[in-house]
Amino acid sequence: MPSHRIHRLVDRLLFGKEFPQVHDYADAVLGKGHRKKWGHSIFHTALLYLLTRKKEYAYSHFAHIMLDELESKARR
């Protein structure tokens, strides 16, 4: 899976700033290694928005999920 560094780079490219707290969110909520165990869910994007009311966090989290999916498909 892409590193948090890569996710922050994509944040800068898409949104003009980094959202490291978004990428730390999944580790805090789902636990370390969650990407390898069960991946991400759009449910967690919605939960992040409901907790923070920050659309940019939800957009960043959705981009995070899409980048992980693209990387997984590229490996197949």
C-alpha atoms as a PDB file:
ATOM      1  CA  MET A   1       0.000   0.000   0.000  1.00  0.00           C
ATOM      2  CA  PRO A   2       1.160   3.556  -0.565  1.00  0.00           C
ATOM      3  CA  SER A   3       2.893   5.148   2.399  1.00  0.00           C
ATOM      4  CA  HIS A   4       1.474   8.092   4.309  1.00  0.00           C
ATOM      5  CA  ARG A   5       4.156  10.168   2.564  1.00  0.00           C
ATOM      6  CA  ILE A   6       2.623   9.304  -0.817  1.00  0.00           C
ATOM      7  CA  HIS A   7      -0.881  10.012   0.479  1.00  0.00           C
ATOM      8  CA  ARG A   8       0.269  13.441   1.688  1.00  0.00           C
ATOM      9  CA  LEU A   9       1.843  14.118  -1.722  1.00  0.00           C
ATOM     10  CA  VAL A  10      -1.484  13.293  -3.404  1.00  0.00           C
ATOM     11  CA  ASP A  11      -3.196  15.638  -0.926  1.00  0.00           C
ATOM     12  CA  ARG A  12      -0.872  18.445  -2.017  1.00  0.00           C
ATOM     13  CA  LEU A  13      -1.461  17.700  -5.696  1.00  0.00           C
ATOM     14  CA  LEU A  14      -5.255  17.483  -5.412  1.00  0.00           C
ATOM     15  CA  PHE A  15      -6.044  19.910  -2.603  1.00  0.00           C
ATOM     16  CA  GLY A  16      -3.021  22.198  -2.265  1.00  0.00           C
ATOM     17  CA  LYS A  17      -2.258  21.113   1.304  1.00  0.00           C
ATOM     18  CA  GLU A  18      -1.614  17.990   3.348  1.00  0.00           C
ATOM     19  CA  PHE A  19      -4.036  16.304   5.722  1.00  0.00           C
ATOM     20  CA  PRO A  20      -1.820  13.985   7.810  1.00  0.00           C
ATOM     21  CA  GLN A  21      -4.516  13.736  10.490  1.00  0.00           C
ATOM     22  CA  VAL A  22      -6.809  12.087   7.923  1.00  0.00           C
ATOM     23  CA  HIS A  23      -4.272   9.367   7.218  1.00  0.00           C
ATOM     24  CA  ASP A  24      -3.654   8.880  10.939  1.00  0.00           C
ATOM     25  CA  TYR A  25      -7.437   8.637  11.508  1.00  0.00           C
ATOM     26  CA  ALA A  26      -7.745   5.158  10.013  1.00  0.00           C
ATOM     27  CA  ASP A  27      -4.864   3.884  12.124  1.00  0.00           C
ATOM     28  CA  ALA A  28      -6.560   5.267  15.241  1.00  0.00           C
ATOM     29  CA  VAL A  29     -10.050   3.986  14.386  1.00  0.00           C
ATOM     30  CA  LEU A  30      -9.258   0.686  12.666  1.00  0.00           C
ATOM     31  CA  GLY A  31      -5.863  -0.104  14.164  1.00  0.00           C
ATOM     32  CA  LYS A  32      -2.395  -0.466  12.706  1.00  0.00           C
ATOM     33  CA  GLY A  33      -2.206  -2.695   9.657  1.00  0.00           C
ATOM     34  CA  HIS A  34      -5.892  -2.226   8.819  1.00  0.00           C
ATOM     35  CA  ARG A  35      -5.152  -1.816   5.110  1.00  0.00           C
ATOM     36  CA  LYS A  36      -3.652  -5.294   4.874  1.00  0.00           C
ATOM     37  CA  LYS A  37      -6.283  -6.894   7.109  1.00  0.00           C
ATOM     38  CA  TRP A  38      -9.536  -5.550   5.683  1.00  0.00           C
ATOM     39  CA  GLY A  39      -8.905  -2.353   3.729  1.00  0.00           C
ATOM     40  CA  HIS A  40     -10.977   0.805   3.846  1.00  0.00           C
ATOM     41  CA  SER A  41     -14.658   1.562   3.669  1.00  0.00           C
ATOM     42  CA  ILE A  42     -16.612   4.559   2.406  1.00  0.00           C
ATOM     43  CA  PHE A  43     -18.473   4.230   5.716  1.00  0.00           C
ATOM     44  CA  HIS A  44     -15.329   5.481   7.464  1.00  0.00           C
ATOM     45  CA  THR A  45     -15.196   8.470   5.110  1.00  0.00           C
ATOM     46  CA  ALA A  46     -18.745   9.363   6.155  1.00  0.00           C
ATOM     47  CA  LEU A  47     -17.866   8.808   9.817  1.00  0.00           C
ATOM     48  CA  LEU A  48     -14.845  11.097   9.481  1.00  0.00           C
ATOM     49  CA  TYR A  49     -17.057  13.820   8.021  1.00  0.00           C
ATOM     50  CA  LEU A  50     -19.684  13.399  10.749  1.00  0.00           C
ATOM     51  CA  LEU A  51     -17.004  13.631  13.440  1.00  0.00           C
ATOM     52  CA  THR A  52     -15.229  16.673  11.990  1.00  0.00           C
ATOM     53  CA  ARG A  53     -17.727  18.392   9.654  1.00  0.00           C
ATOM     54  CA  LYS A  54     -14.742  19.100   7.374  1.00  0.00           C
ATOM     55  CA  LYS A  55     -15.460  18.294   3.735  1.00  0.00           C
ATOM     56  CA  GLU A  56     -11.779  18.505   2.827  1.00  0.00           C
ATOM     57  CA  TYR A  57     -11.046  15.683   5.296  1.00  0.00           C
ATOM     58  CA  ALA A  58     -13.685  13.501   3.655  1.00  0.00           C
ATOM     59  CA  TYR A  59     -12.323  14.303   0.178  1.00  0.00           C
ATOM     60  CA  SER A  60      -8.790  13.471   1.300  1.00  0.00           C
ATOM     61  CA  HIS A  61      -9.943  10.203   2.870  1.00  0.00           C
ATOM     62  CA  PHE A  62     -11.810   9.233  -0.296  1.00  0.00           C
ATOM     63  CA  ALA A  63      -8.680   9.989  -2.362  1.00  0.00           C
ATOM     64  CA  HIS A  64      -6.716   7.847   0.125  1.00  0.00           C
ATOM     65  CA  ILE A  65      -9.077   4.917  -0.483  1.00  0.00           C
ATOM     66  CA  MET A  66      -8.912   5.341  -4.272  1.00  0.00           C
ATOM     67  CA  LEU A  67      -5.100   5.475  -4.244  1.00  0.00           C
ATOM     68  CA  ASP A  68      -4.973   2.277  -2.176  1.00  0.00           C
ATOM     69  CA  GLU A  69      -7.395   0.597  -4.604  1.00  0.00           C
ATOM     70  CA  LEU A  70      -5.371   1.673  -7.646  1.00  0.00           C
ATOM     71  CA  GLU A  71      -2.178   0.374  -6.087  1.00  0.00           C
ATOM     72  CA  SER A  72      -3.843  -2.952  -5.242  1.00  0.00           C
ATOM     73  CA  LYS A  73      -5.170  -3.362  -8.795  1.00  0.00           C
ATOM     74  CA  ALA A  74      -1.766  -2.521 -10.255  1.00  0.00           C
ATOM     75  CA  ARG A  75      -0.248  -5.422  -8.276  1.00  0.00           C
ATOM     76  CA  ARG A  76      -2.663  -7.983  -9.735  1.00  0.00           C
END
